[in-house]
Structure formats: structure tokens, C-alpha cells
Amino acid sequence: MGETISETKTPRRISSFFLIIIVVTLALSIVAIFSGVNAYISGDSGTVYPSLLIGVSGLALSAYMLFQTRRRTMQIAIKMQPVTTTIRCRKCGFKNLREFQRGDYIFKEAEECPKCTEKMQIASIYREAKENE
């Protein structure tokens, strides 16, 4: 696994409190719609339209909040910073930088030195922190 991940989409959890608010709003909207339908059937014309208006508005609001939270979690991406491995020759001091590879650790013997053909050694492993623009 010698490749770096430049951008990974990780879904963020929706807070439990926010989810409870959405579910309660949805439940109250359904109750208001049933109340409006029940008032229409019983002939009480004074409460039909307000109940239906509250119910439909609550359903629309709940659906909108769920849609927005889902869209927001998909847009959030963590940009991984590149990890660099420094390889240094103990004999001649030649230094080589390369991308981190799985299994790298400090003092591990690496490839041969291109100058003196002596085995090189991993001297450091670090992450390059880049500031956001």
C-alpha cells in the first residue's frame, strides 16, 4: 500500500440531539395531518386548514433538514497530508526523499546508495503539514 490518500470522504455522524428534533418534528407533523383529516371528516371546518398547513409545513421542514444533513456529511472530506520518508546513506551521507510506504520504520535498511552502492537506512519519517488557503 505505497500510495497516499489525497482526499477521503468520511461520513460524519449526525448528532443524536439533532436527529431527535427531526424525528419529533416529523411525528408531530403526521399527528397534525391526521388531526386535520379527522376534523374534515367530522365537519369542523375551523381547524382543518391550520392543522393541514402545520402538518405539511412540518413534513417539508423535516424532509429538508434530513436532506441537508445528508448532503453536508457527503461533502465533508478530510485531506490527508503527505507522509515523507527520508533515506540516508551512512557511508557517504547521500540523502533521498520518497513517499512513505507501508512497513517503513526508522533505522530500517533500504535500497542501495546510488553513489557508493552501500545499503542506505531510513533516517526519518514525517508528515508535511500544509496550511489551508
N, C-alpha and C. Protein backbone atom coordinates (compact mmCIF):
# COMPACT_ATOMS: atom_id res chain seq x y z
N MET A 1 0.85 -1.17 0.00
CA MET A 1 0.00 0.00 0.00
C MET A 1 0.89 1.23 0.00
N GLY A 2 1.59 1.49 -1.08
CA GLY A 2 2.53 2.59 -1.16
C GLY A 2 1.93 3.85 -1.72
N GLU A 3 0.65 3.95 -1.80
CA GLU A 3 0.02 5.12 -2.37
C GLU A 3 -0.53 6.00 -1.26
N THR A 4 -0.51 7.30 -1.48
CA THR A 4 -1.05 8.21 -0.48
C THR A 4 -2.49 8.54 -0.82
N ILE A 5 -3.21 8.84 0.19
CA ILE A 5 -4.61 9.21 0.02
C ILE A 5 -4.67 10.72 0.04
N SER A 6 -5.04 11.33 -1.07
CA SER A 6 -5.08 12.78 -1.11
C SER A 6 -6.39 13.30 -0.56
N GLU A 7 -7.46 12.57 -0.74
CA GLU A 7 -8.74 13.02 -0.24
C GLU A 7 -9.62 11.82 0.03
N THR A 8 -10.16 11.73 1.22
CA THR A 8 -11.01 10.62 1.59
C THR A 8 -12.33 11.17 2.10
N LYS A 9 -13.43 10.64 1.59
CA LYS A 9 -14.73 11.07 2.06
C LYS A 9 -15.13 10.18 3.22
N THR A 10 -15.31 10.82 4.36
CA THR A 10 -15.73 10.08 5.53
C THR A 10 -17.04 10.66 6.02
N PRO A 11 -18.06 9.83 6.13
CA PRO A 11 -19.32 10.37 6.60
C PRO A 11 -19.24 10.76 8.07
N ARG A 12 -19.72 11.95 8.34
CA ARG A 12 -19.74 12.42 9.71
C ARG A 12 -21.07 12.06 10.33
N ARG A 13 -21.05 11.67 11.58
CA ARG A 13 -22.28 11.29 12.26
C ARG A 13 -23.14 12.52 12.53
N ILE A 14 -24.45 12.34 12.38
CA ILE A 14 -25.40 13.38 12.73
C ILE A 14 -25.58 13.31 14.24
N SER A 15 -25.61 14.48 14.89
CA SER A 15 -25.74 14.48 16.34
C SER A 15 -27.09 13.88 16.75
N SER A 16 -27.09 13.17 17.86
CA SER A 16 -28.30 12.50 18.34
C SER A 16 -29.40 13.51 18.68
N PHE A 17 -29.01 14.63 19.24
CA PHE A 17 -29.99 15.66 19.60
C PHE A 17 -30.69 16.19 18.35
N PHE A 18 -29.92 16.46 17.31
CA PHE A 18 -30.50 16.98 16.06
C PHE A 18 -31.42 15.93 15.42
N LEU A 19 -31.03 14.68 15.47
CA LEU A 19 -31.85 13.61 14.93
C LEU A 19 -33.16 13.47 15.70
N ILE A 20 -33.10 13.62 17.02
CA ILE A 20 -34.32 13.57 17.84
C ILE A 20 -35.26 14.71 17.47
N ILE A 21 -34.71 15.90 17.26
CA ILE A 21 -35.55 17.05 16.86
C ILE A 21 -36.25 16.77 15.54
N ILE A 22 -35.53 16.20 14.59
CA ILE A 22 -36.12 15.88 13.28
C ILE A 22 -37.23 14.85 13.43
N VAL A 23 -37.00 13.81 14.21
CA VAL A 23 -38.00 12.74 14.39
C VAL A 23 -39.24 13.29 15.11
N VAL A 24 -39.04 14.12 16.14
CA VAL A 24 -40.18 14.71 16.85
C VAL A 24 -40.98 15.61 15.92
N THR A 25 -40.31 16.43 15.13
CA THR A 25 -41.00 17.29 14.17
C THR A 25 -41.78 16.46 13.17
N LEU A 26 -41.20 15.40 12.70
CA LEU A 26 -41.88 14.51 11.76
C LEU A 26 -43.12 13.87 12.40
N ALA A 27 -42.98 13.40 13.63
CA ALA A 27 -44.12 12.78 14.32
C ALA A 27 -45.24 13.78 14.57
N LEU A 28 -44.90 14.99 15.02
CA LEU A 28 -45.93 16.00 15.26
C LEU A 28 -46.60 16.44 13.96
N SER A 29 -45.87 16.45 12.88
CA SER A 29 -46.45 16.79 11.58
C SER A 29 -47.47 15.75 11.15
N ILE A 30 -47.14 14.50 11.34
CA ILE A 30 -48.07 13.42 10.98
C ILE A 30 -49.32 13.49 11.84
N VAL A 31 -49.14 13.78 13.14
CA VAL A 31 -50.30 13.93 14.04
C VAL A 31 -51.17 15.10 13.58
N ALA A 32 -50.54 16.22 13.19
CA ALA A 32 -51.31 17.39 12.74
C ALA A 32 -52.07 17.07 11.46
N ILE A 33 -51.47 16.32 10.55
CA ILE A 33 -52.18 15.95 9.31
C ILE A 33 -53.37 15.05 9.63
N PHE A 34 -53.17 14.06 10.49
CA PHE A 34 -54.30 13.20 10.88
C PHE A 34 -55.38 13.99 11.59
N SER A 35 -54.99 14.96 12.41
CA SER A 35 -55.97 15.81 13.09
C SER A 35 -56.76 16.63 12.09
N GLY A 36 -56.08 17.14 11.06
CA GLY A 36 -56.77 17.91 10.01
C GLY A 36 -57.73 17.05 9.22
N VAL A 37 -57.31 15.83 8.89
CA VAL A 37 -58.18 14.92 8.15
C VAL A 37 -59.38 14.53 9.02
N ASN A 38 -59.14 14.27 10.29
CA ASN A 38 -60.22 13.93 11.21
C ASN A 38 -61.21 15.09 11.38
N ALA A 39 -60.69 16.32 11.44
CA ALA A 39 -61.56 17.49 11.54
C ALA A 39 -62.37 17.67 10.27
N TYR A 40 -61.79 17.37 9.11
CA TYR A 40 -62.51 17.48 7.84
C TYR A 40 -63.65 16.47 7.78
N ILE A 41 -63.37 15.23 8.24
CA ILE A 41 -64.39 14.18 8.23
C ILE A 41 -65.53 14.52 9.19
N SER A 42 -65.18 15.08 10.36
CA SER A 42 -66.22 15.40 11.34
C SER A 42 -66.95 16.70 11.02
N GLY A 43 -66.47 17.47 10.07
CA GLY A 43 -67.16 18.69 9.65
C GLY A 43 -66.71 19.94 10.38
N ASP A 44 -65.67 19.89 11.16
CA ASP A 44 -65.16 21.06 11.89
C ASP A 44 -64.24 21.84 10.96
N SER A 45 -64.79 22.77 10.21
CA SER A 45 -64.03 23.47 9.18
C SER A 45 -63.07 24.51 9.75
N GLY A 46 -63.17 24.85 11.02
CA GLY A 46 -62.29 25.85 11.62
C GLY A 46 -60.88 25.36 11.86
N THR A 47 -60.72 24.06 12.06
CA THR A 47 -59.37 23.53 12.37
C THR A 47 -58.77 22.71 11.24
N VAL A 48 -59.49 22.54 10.15
CA VAL A 48 -58.98 21.71 9.05
C VAL A 48 -57.74 22.34 8.42
N TYR A 49 -57.85 23.58 7.95
CA TYR A 49 -56.75 24.20 7.21
C TYR A 49 -55.53 24.50 8.07
N PRO A 50 -55.70 25.01 9.30
CA PRO A 50 -54.49 25.22 10.13
C PRO A 50 -53.76 23.91 10.44
N SER A 51 -54.52 22.86 10.72
CA SER A 51 -53.88 21.57 11.04
C SER A 51 -53.14 21.01 9.83
N LEU A 52 -53.78 21.06 8.67
CA LEU A 52 -53.12 20.56 7.46
C LEU A 52 -51.91 21.42 7.10
N LEU A 53 -52.02 22.73 7.27
CA LEU A 53 -50.90 23.63 6.97
C LEU A 53 -49.72 23.34 7.90
N ILE A 54 -49.98 23.18 9.19
CA ILE A 54 -48.91 22.86 10.15
C ILE A 54 -48.30 21.49 9.83
N GLY A 55 -49.14 20.51 9.50
CA GLY A 55 -48.65 19.17 9.20
C GLY A 55 -47.78 19.12 7.96
N VAL A 56 -48.23 19.75 6.89
CA VAL A 56 -47.46 19.75 5.63
C VAL A 56 -46.17 20.56 5.80
N SER A 57 -46.26 21.69 6.51
CA SER A 57 -45.05 22.51 6.74
C SER A 57 -44.03 21.73 7.56
N GLY A 58 -44.50 21.02 8.58
CA GLY A 58 -43.59 20.22 9.40
C GLY A 58 -42.94 19.09 8.62
N LEU A 59 -43.74 18.44 7.76
CA LEU A 59 -43.17 17.38 6.91
C LEU A 59 -42.11 17.94 5.97
N ALA A 60 -42.41 19.09 5.37
CA ALA A 60 -41.45 19.71 4.46
C ALA A 60 -40.18 20.10 5.20
N LEU A 61 -40.34 20.67 6.39
CA LEU A 61 -39.19 21.07 7.18
C LEU A 61 -38.33 19.86 7.59
N SER A 62 -38.97 18.79 8.02
CA SER A 62 -38.24 17.58 8.41
C SER A 62 -37.48 16.98 7.23
N ALA A 63 -38.15 16.91 6.08
CA ALA A 63 -37.50 16.37 4.89
C ALA A 63 -36.32 17.24 4.47
N TYR A 64 -36.48 18.55 4.55
CA TYR A 64 -35.40 19.47 4.18
C TYR A 64 -34.20 19.30 5.12
N MET A 65 -34.47 19.21 6.43
CA MET A 65 -33.37 19.06 7.39
C MET A 65 -32.63 17.74 7.18
N LEU A 66 -33.37 16.67 6.94
CA LEU A 66 -32.71 15.38 6.68
C LEU A 66 -31.87 15.43 5.40
N PHE A 67 -32.43 16.05 4.37
CA PHE A 67 -31.70 16.16 3.10
C PHE A 67 -30.43 16.99 3.27
N GLN A 68 -30.52 18.10 3.99
CA GLN A 68 -29.35 18.96 4.18
C GLN A 68 -28.27 18.30 5.03
N THR A 69 -28.67 17.58 6.06
CA THR A 69 -27.66 16.91 6.88
C THR A 69 -26.98 15.80 6.10
N ARG A 70 -27.72 15.11 5.28
CA ARG A 70 -27.13 14.04 4.47
C ARG A 70 -26.18 14.63 3.43
N ARG A 71 -26.58 15.73 2.81
CA ARG A 71 -25.73 16.37 1.81
C ARG A 71 -24.47 16.92 2.44
N ARG A 72 -24.58 17.49 3.62
CA ARG A 72 -23.42 18.06 4.30
C ARG A 72 -22.42 16.98 4.68
N THR A 73 -22.89 15.84 5.14
CA THR A 73 -21.96 14.77 5.52
C THR A 73 -21.23 14.21 4.32
N MET A 74 -21.84 14.21 3.16
CA MET A 74 -21.17 13.69 1.96
C MET A 74 -20.15 14.68 1.43
N GLN A 75 -20.32 16.00 1.70
CA GLN A 75 -19.40 17.00 1.18
C GLN A 75 -18.14 17.13 2.03
N ILE A 76 -18.23 16.72 3.29
CA ILE A 76 -17.07 16.85 4.17
C ILE A 76 -16.02 15.83 3.75
N ALA A 77 -14.81 16.33 3.52
CA ALA A 77 -13.72 15.45 3.12
C ALA A 77 -12.49 15.80 3.93
N ILE A 78 -11.78 14.80 4.34
CA ILE A 78 -10.54 15.00 5.08
C ILE A 78 -9.40 14.89 4.08
N LYS A 79 -8.63 15.93 4.00
CA LYS A 79 -7.49 15.91 3.10
C LYS A 79 -6.27 15.44 3.88
N MET A 80 -5.77 14.29 3.51
CA MET A 80 -4.62 13.72 4.21
C MET A 80 -3.35 14.42 3.74
N GLN A 81 -2.50 14.71 4.70
CA GLN A 81 -1.22 15.34 4.39
C GLN A 81 -0.23 14.26 3.95
N PRO A 82 0.64 14.58 3.01
CA PRO A 82 1.60 13.57 2.54
C PRO A 82 2.63 13.22 3.61
N VAL A 83 2.95 11.93 3.71
CA VAL A 83 3.97 11.45 4.65
C VAL A 83 5.22 11.13 3.85
N THR A 84 6.34 11.65 4.30
CA THR A 84 7.60 11.52 3.58
C THR A 84 8.59 10.69 4.40
N THR A 85 9.33 9.86 3.70
CA THR A 85 10.39 9.06 4.32
C THR A 85 11.73 9.57 3.83
N THR A 86 12.64 9.83 4.76
CA THR A 86 13.99 10.27 4.41
C THR A 86 14.93 9.07 4.55
N ILE A 87 15.63 8.77 3.46
CA ILE A 87 16.59 7.66 3.45
C ILE A 87 17.99 8.26 3.31
N ARG A 88 18.91 7.84 4.18
CA ARG A 88 20.25 8.41 4.19
C ARG A 88 21.29 7.30 4.17
N CYS A 89 22.35 7.53 3.41
CA CYS A 89 23.47 6.59 3.36
C CYS A 89 24.39 6.88 4.55
N ARG A 90 24.75 5.83 5.30
CA ARG A 90 25.61 6.00 6.48
C ARG A 90 27.06 6.27 6.07
N LYS A 91 27.43 5.81 4.89
CA LYS A 91 28.83 5.92 4.48
C LYS A 91 29.13 7.28 3.84
N CYS A 92 28.39 7.65 2.79
CA CYS A 92 28.71 8.88 2.06
C CYS A 92 27.77 10.05 2.38
N GLY A 93 26.68 9.81 3.11
CA GLY A 93 25.79 10.89 3.51
C GLY A 93 24.74 11.26 2.47
N PHE A 94 24.63 10.49 1.38
CA PHE A 94 23.63 10.77 0.35
C PHE A 94 22.23 10.67 0.97
N LYS A 95 21.39 11.63 0.62
CA LYS A 95 20.05 11.68 1.20
C LYS A 95 19.01 11.60 0.09
N ASN A 96 17.97 10.79 0.31
CA ASN A 96 16.91 10.61 -0.68
C ASN A 96 15.57 10.74 0.04
N LEU A 97 14.65 11.47 -0.56
CA LEU A 97 13.29 11.60 -0.03
C LEU A 97 12.34 10.83 -0.93
N ARG A 98 11.43 10.10 -0.30
CA ARG A 98 10.42 9.37 -1.08
C ARG A 98 9.12 9.32 -0.28
N GLU A 99 8.08 8.92 -0.96
CA GLU A 99 6.78 8.77 -0.35
C GLU A 99 6.81 7.62 0.65
N PHE A 100 6.11 7.78 1.77
CA PHE A 100 6.05 6.73 2.79
C PHE A 100 5.43 5.48 2.22
N GLN A 101 5.99 4.34 2.56
CA GLN A 101 5.45 3.05 2.15
C GLN A 101 5.14 2.24 3.39
N ARG A 102 4.10 1.46 3.32
CA ARG A 102 3.70 0.63 4.46
C ARG A 102 4.88 -0.28 4.84
N GLY A 103 5.17 -0.34 6.12
CA GLY A 103 6.28 -1.15 6.60
C GLY A 103 7.54 -0.35 6.87
N ASP A 104 7.55 0.93 6.50
CA ASP A 104 8.71 1.78 6.78
C ASP A 104 8.81 2.05 8.28
N TYR A 105 10.03 2.02 8.78
CA TYR A 105 10.28 2.43 10.16
C TYR A 105 11.71 2.95 10.22
N ILE A 106 11.99 3.75 11.23
CA ILE A 106 13.30 4.37 11.36
C ILE A 106 14.35 3.29 11.64
N PHE A 107 15.51 3.45 11.04
CA PHE A 107 16.67 2.55 11.10
C PHE A 107 16.48 1.28 10.27
N LYS A 108 15.43 1.21 9.48
CA LYS A 108 15.24 0.06 8.59
C LYS A 108 16.20 0.21 7.41
N GLU A 109 16.79 -0.89 7.00
CA GLU A 109 17.67 -0.84 5.83
C GLU A 109 16.82 -0.73 4.58
N ALA A 110 17.26 0.13 3.68
CA ALA A 110 16.52 0.37 2.43
C ALA A 110 17.40 -0.02 1.25
N GLU A 111 17.08 0.55 0.10
CA GLU A 111 17.80 0.20 -1.13
C GLU A 111 19.26 0.65 -1.07
N GLU A 112 20.01 0.27 -2.09
CA GLU A 112 21.43 0.63 -2.16
C GLU A 112 21.61 2.08 -2.54
N CYS A 113 22.70 2.65 -2.06
CA CYS A 113 23.04 4.04 -2.36
C CYS A 113 23.49 4.13 -3.83
N PRO A 114 22.97 5.10 -4.58
CA PRO A 114 23.40 5.22 -5.99
C PRO A 114 24.84 5.72 -6.14
N LYS A 115 25.43 6.30 -5.10
CA LYS A 115 26.80 6.81 -5.19
C LYS A 115 27.84 5.74 -4.82
N CYS A 116 27.64 5.11 -3.64
CA CYS A 116 28.67 4.19 -3.15
C CYS A 116 28.20 2.74 -3.07
N THR A 117 27.01 2.44 -3.49
CA THR A 117 26.39 1.10 -3.50
C THR A 117 26.34 0.44 -2.12
N GLU A 118 26.44 1.25 -1.06
CA GLU A 118 26.28 0.76 0.31
C GLU A 118 24.78 0.78 0.65
N LYS A 119 24.34 -0.07 1.57
CA LYS A 119 22.93 -0.08 1.98
C LYS A 119 22.59 1.23 2.69
N MET A 120 21.46 1.83 2.30
CA MET A 120 21.01 3.05 2.96
C MET A 120 20.04 2.68 4.08
N GLN A 121 19.76 3.67 4.94
CA GLN A 121 18.93 3.44 6.11
C GLN A 121 17.89 4.56 6.22
N ILE A 122 16.68 4.19 6.68
CA ILE A 122 15.64 5.20 6.87
C ILE A 122 16.02 6.04 8.08
N ALA A 123 16.14 7.35 7.86
CA ALA A 123 16.57 8.26 8.92
C ALA A 123 15.39 8.93 9.61
N SER A 124 14.34 9.27 8.86
CA SER A 124 13.19 9.93 9.47
C SER A 124 11.94 9.71 8.63
N ILE A 125 10.82 9.80 9.33
CA ILE A 125 9.51 9.71 8.69
C ILE A 125 8.69 10.87 9.26
N TYR A 126 8.15 11.69 8.40
CA TYR A 126 7.39 12.84 8.88
C TYR A 126 6.26 13.20 7.93
N ARG A 127 5.32 13.91 8.48
CA ARG A 127 4.17 14.39 7.70
C ARG A 127 4.38 15.87 7.42
N GLU A 128 4.20 16.25 6.17
CA GLU A 128 4.34 17.64 5.77
C GLU A 128 3.02 18.36 6.04
N ALA A 129 3.03 19.26 6.99
CA ALA A 129 1.81 20.00 7.32
C ALA A 129 1.70 21.20 6.41
N LYS A 130 0.64 21.24 5.61
CA LYS A 130 0.39 22.37 4.72
C LYS A 130 -0.81 23.14 5.26
N GLU A 131 -0.67 24.45 5.31
CA GLU A 131 -1.76 25.27 5.83
C GLU A 131 -2.83 25.44 4.76
N ASN A 132 -4.09 25.52 5.22
CA ASN A 132 -5.20 25.73 4.28
C ASN A 132 -5.16 27.14 3.75
N GLU A 133 -5.51 27.29 2.49
CA GLU A 133 -5.52 28.62 1.87
C GLU A 133 -6.81 29.32 2.15
